[in-house]
Amino acid sequence: MLPPPTEGTAAVAARVAAARALQAARYRAVSLRTNAEADGEVLAESATPDEAGRKLLAQAAEAMRLSARGYTRVLRVARTIADLAGGEGVARIHVAEALSYRRQAPRS
């Protein structure tokens, strides 16, 4: 048996709507709507992790051999996770969760 969900569908929908509204407000000046559309300098301004997050991302980029595209995608996902959590900035925990969603190549 699975335990009951800690958060109902309505609560999740409300968090998602709040995160989307936050993103729309953040990017209004540059005519973007979501973190998925952010790139380059805009992404660097909004998704730069704290020092611990930067260290983790740098270590992971080397260990996982992330391309520039992969690195950028991790930043976008980490920013979205922070938005869903109501976080002001991107912290190590957000980077760690974003990295956990990446597929690992099979190891022989």
C-alpha atoms as a PDB file:
ATOM      1  CA  MET A   1       0.000   0.000   0.000  1.00  0.00           C
ATOM      2  CA  LEU A   2       1.156   3.462  -0.822  1.00  0.00           C
ATOM      3  CA  PRO A   3       0.967   6.207   1.774  1.00  0.00           C
ATOM      4  CA  PRO A   4      -1.509   8.983   1.034  1.00  0.00           C
ATOM      5  CA  PRO A   5      -0.059  11.907  -0.906  1.00  0.00           C
ATOM      6  CA  THR A   6       1.188  14.699   1.293  1.00  0.00           C
ATOM      7  CA  GLU A   7      -0.103  17.301  -1.113  1.00  0.00           C
ATOM      8  CA  GLY A   8      -3.385  17.198  -2.991  1.00  0.00           C
ATOM      9  CA  THR A   9      -3.906  17.993  -6.646  1.00  0.00           C
ATOM     10  CA  ALA A  10      -5.387  21.407  -5.877  1.00  0.00           C
ATOM     11  CA  ALA A  11      -2.358  22.369  -3.773  1.00  0.00           C
ATOM     12  CA  VAL A  12       0.048  21.266  -6.514  1.00  0.00           C
ATOM     13  CA  ALA A  13      -1.966  23.178  -9.134  1.00  0.00           C
ATOM     14  CA  ALA A  14      -1.807  26.288  -6.949  1.00  0.00           C
ATOM     15  CA  ARG A  15       1.982  25.985  -6.557  1.00  0.00           C
ATOM     16  CA  VAL A  16       2.412  25.544 -10.306  1.00  0.00           C
ATOM     17  CA  ALA A  17       0.196  28.562 -11.037  1.00  0.00           C
ATOM     18  CA  ALA A  18       2.158  30.658  -8.533  1.00  0.00           C
ATOM     19  CA  ALA A  19       5.478  29.565 -10.062  1.00  0.00           C
ATOM     20  CA  ARG A  20       4.240  30.398 -13.576  1.00  0.00           C
ATOM     21  CA  ALA A  21       3.054  33.837 -12.429  1.00  0.00           C
ATOM     22  CA  LEU A  22       6.424  34.466 -10.767  1.00  0.00           C
ATOM     23  CA  GLN A  23       8.252  33.511 -13.961  1.00  0.00           C
ATOM     24  CA  ALA A  24       6.017  35.701 -16.122  1.00  0.00           C
ATOM     25  CA  ALA A  25       6.697  38.661 -13.823  1.00  0.00           C
ATOM     26  CA  ARG A  26      10.452  37.954 -13.743  1.00  0.00           C
ATOM     27  CA  TYR A  27      10.775  37.894 -17.526  1.00  0.00           C
ATOM     28  CA  ARG A  28       8.182  40.519 -18.457  1.00  0.00           C
ATOM     29  CA  ALA A  29      10.850  43.113 -19.348  1.00  0.00           C
ATOM     30  CA  VAL A  30      12.481  40.753 -21.856  1.00  0.00           C
ATOM     31  CA  SER A  31       9.251  39.399 -23.386  1.00  0.00           C
ATOM     32  CA  LEU A  32       9.660  35.856 -22.067  1.00  0.00           C
ATOM     33  CA  ARG A  33       7.161  33.828 -20.075  1.00  0.00           C
ATOM     34  CA  THR A  34       8.939  30.871 -18.492  1.00  0.00           C
ATOM     35  CA  ASN A  35      12.323  29.586 -17.383  1.00  0.00           C
ATOM     36  CA  ALA A  36      12.292  27.248 -20.388  1.00  0.00           C
ATOM     37  CA  GLU A  37      12.537  30.284 -22.685  1.00  0.00           C
ATOM     38  CA  ALA A  38      15.362  31.977 -20.747  1.00  0.00           C
ATOM     39  CA  ASP A  39      18.839  31.776 -22.200  1.00  0.00           C
ATOM     40  CA  GLY A  40      22.234  33.408 -22.021  1.00  0.00           C
ATOM     41  CA  GLU A  41      22.485  36.512 -19.864  1.00  0.00           C
ATOM     42  CA  VAL A  42      18.814  36.390 -18.852  1.00  0.00           C
ATOM     43  CA  LEU A  43      19.237  32.856 -17.511  1.00  0.00           C
ATOM     44  CA  ALA A  44      22.517  33.742 -15.830  1.00  0.00           C
ATOM     45  CA  GLU A  45      20.825  36.599 -13.968  1.00  0.00           C
ATOM     46  CA  SER A  46      17.835  34.588 -12.813  1.00  0.00           C
ATOM     47  CA  ALA A  47      19.266  31.112 -12.254  1.00  0.00           C
ATOM     48  CA  THR A  48      22.757  31.594 -10.870  1.00  0.00           C
ATOM     49  CA  PRO A  49      23.011  29.207  -7.910  1.00  0.00           C
ATOM     50  CA  ASP A  50      24.490  30.088  -4.535  1.00  0.00           C
ATOM     51  CA  GLU A  51      28.143  29.192  -3.879  1.00  0.00           C
ATOM     52  CA  ALA A  52      27.369  25.642  -2.706  1.00  0.00           C
ATOM     53  CA  GLY A  53      25.125  25.118  -5.726  1.00  0.00           C
ATOM     54  CA  ARG A  54      27.817  26.393  -8.089  1.00  0.00           C
ATOM     55  CA  LYS A  55      30.362  23.983  -6.627  1.00  0.00           C
ATOM     56  CA  LEU A  56      27.974  21.053  -6.914  1.00  0.00           C
ATOM     57  CA  LEU A  57      27.072  21.955 -10.489  1.00  0.00           C
ATOM     58  CA  ALA A  58      30.732  22.322 -11.466  1.00  0.00           C
ATOM     59  CA  GLN A  59      31.575  18.927  -9.953  1.00  0.00           C
ATOM     60  CA  ALA A  60      28.578  17.304 -11.611  1.00  0.00           C
ATOM     61  CA  ALA A  61      29.347  18.906 -14.965  1.00  0.00           C
ATOM     62  CA  GLU A  62      32.773  17.329 -14.904  1.00  0.00           C
ATOM     63  CA  ALA A  63      31.695  13.948 -13.527  1.00  0.00           C
ATOM     64  CA  MET A  64      28.653  13.644 -15.789  1.00  0.00           C
ATOM     65  CA  ARG A  65      30.430  15.218 -18.756  1.00  0.00           C
ATOM     66  CA  LEU A  66      27.655  17.761 -19.229  1.00  0.00           C
ATOM     67  CA  SER A  67      27.665  19.671 -22.478  1.00  0.00           C
ATOM     68  CA  ALA A  68      26.936  23.390 -22.457  1.00  0.00           C
ATOM     69  CA  ARG A  69      23.369  22.532 -23.395  1.00  0.00           C
ATOM     70  CA  GLY A  70      23.096  20.027 -20.544  1.00  0.00           C
ATOM     71  CA  TYR A  71      24.531  22.535 -18.076  1.00  0.00           C
ATOM     72  CA  THR A  72      21.991  25.145 -19.190  1.00  0.00           C
ATOM     73  CA  ARG A  73      19.136  22.679 -18.894  1.00  0.00           C
ATOM     74  CA  VAL A  74      20.140  21.844 -15.323  1.00  0.00           C
ATOM     75  CA  LEU A  75      20.096  25.566 -14.482  1.00  0.00           C
ATOM     76  CA  ARG A  76      16.630  25.989 -15.997  1.00  0.00           C
ATOM     77  CA  VAL A  77      15.243  23.032 -14.079  1.00  0.00           C
ATOM     78  CA  ALA A  78      16.908  24.172 -10.836  1.00  0.00           C
ATOM     79  CA  ARG A  79      15.353  27.640 -11.262  1.00  0.00           C
ATOM     80  CA  THR A  80      11.938  26.052 -11.796  1.00  0.00           C
ATOM     81  CA  ILE A  81      12.352  23.841  -8.718  1.00  0.00           C
ATOM     82  CA  ALA A  82      13.258  26.936  -6.691  1.00  0.00           C
ATOM     83  CA  ASP A  83      10.164  28.713  -8.035  1.00  0.00           C
ATOM     84  CA  LEU A  84       7.927  25.783  -7.091  1.00  0.00           C
ATOM     85  CA  ALA A  85       9.431  25.779  -3.600  1.00  0.00           C
ATOM     86  CA  GLY A  86       8.896  29.522  -3.280  1.00  0.00           C
ATOM     87  CA  GLY A  87      12.636  30.118  -3.068  1.00  0.00           C
ATOM     88  CA  GLU A  88      14.099  33.521  -3.751  1.00  0.00           C
ATOM     89  CA  GLY A  89      17.247  32.153  -5.374  1.00  0.00           C
ATOM     90  CA  VAL A  90      18.649  28.872  -6.619  1.00  0.00           C
ATOM     91  CA  ALA A  91      20.270  26.914  -3.791  1.00  0.00           C
ATOM     92  CA  ARG A  92      22.336  23.743  -3.660  1.00  0.00           C
ATOM     93  CA  ILE A  93      19.238  21.662  -2.894  1.00  0.00           C
ATOM     94  CA  HIS A  94      17.571  22.873  -6.102  1.00  0.00           C
ATOM     95  CA  VAL A  95      20.658  22.051  -8.178  1.00  0.00           C
ATOM     96  CA  ALA A  96      20.887  18.612  -6.554  1.00  0.00           C
ATOM     97  CA  GLU A  97      17.265  17.839  -7.376  1.00  0.00           C
ATOM     98  CA  ALA A  98      17.681  19.055 -10.960  1.00  0.00           C
ATOM     99  CA  LEU A  99      20.742  16.834 -11.373  1.00  0.00           C
ATOM    100  CA  SER A 100      18.845  13.859  -9.985  1.00  0.00           C
ATOM    101  CA  TYR A 101      16.432  14.047 -12.927  1.00  0.00           C
ATOM    102  CA  ARG A 102      19.190  13.582 -15.510  1.00  0.00           C
ATOM    103  CA  ARG A 103      19.612  10.154 -17.018  1.00  0.00           C
ATOM    104  CA  GLN A 104      22.815   8.384 -16.229  1.00  0.00           C
ATOM    105  CA  ALA A 105      24.609   6.426 -18.920  1.00  0.00           C
ATOM    106  CA  PRO A 106      24.756   2.701 -18.109  1.00  0.00           C
ATOM    107  CA  ARG A 107      27.989   1.746 -16.437  1.00  0.00           C
ATOM    108  CA  SER A 108      29.750  -1.428 -17.450  1.00  0.00           C
END
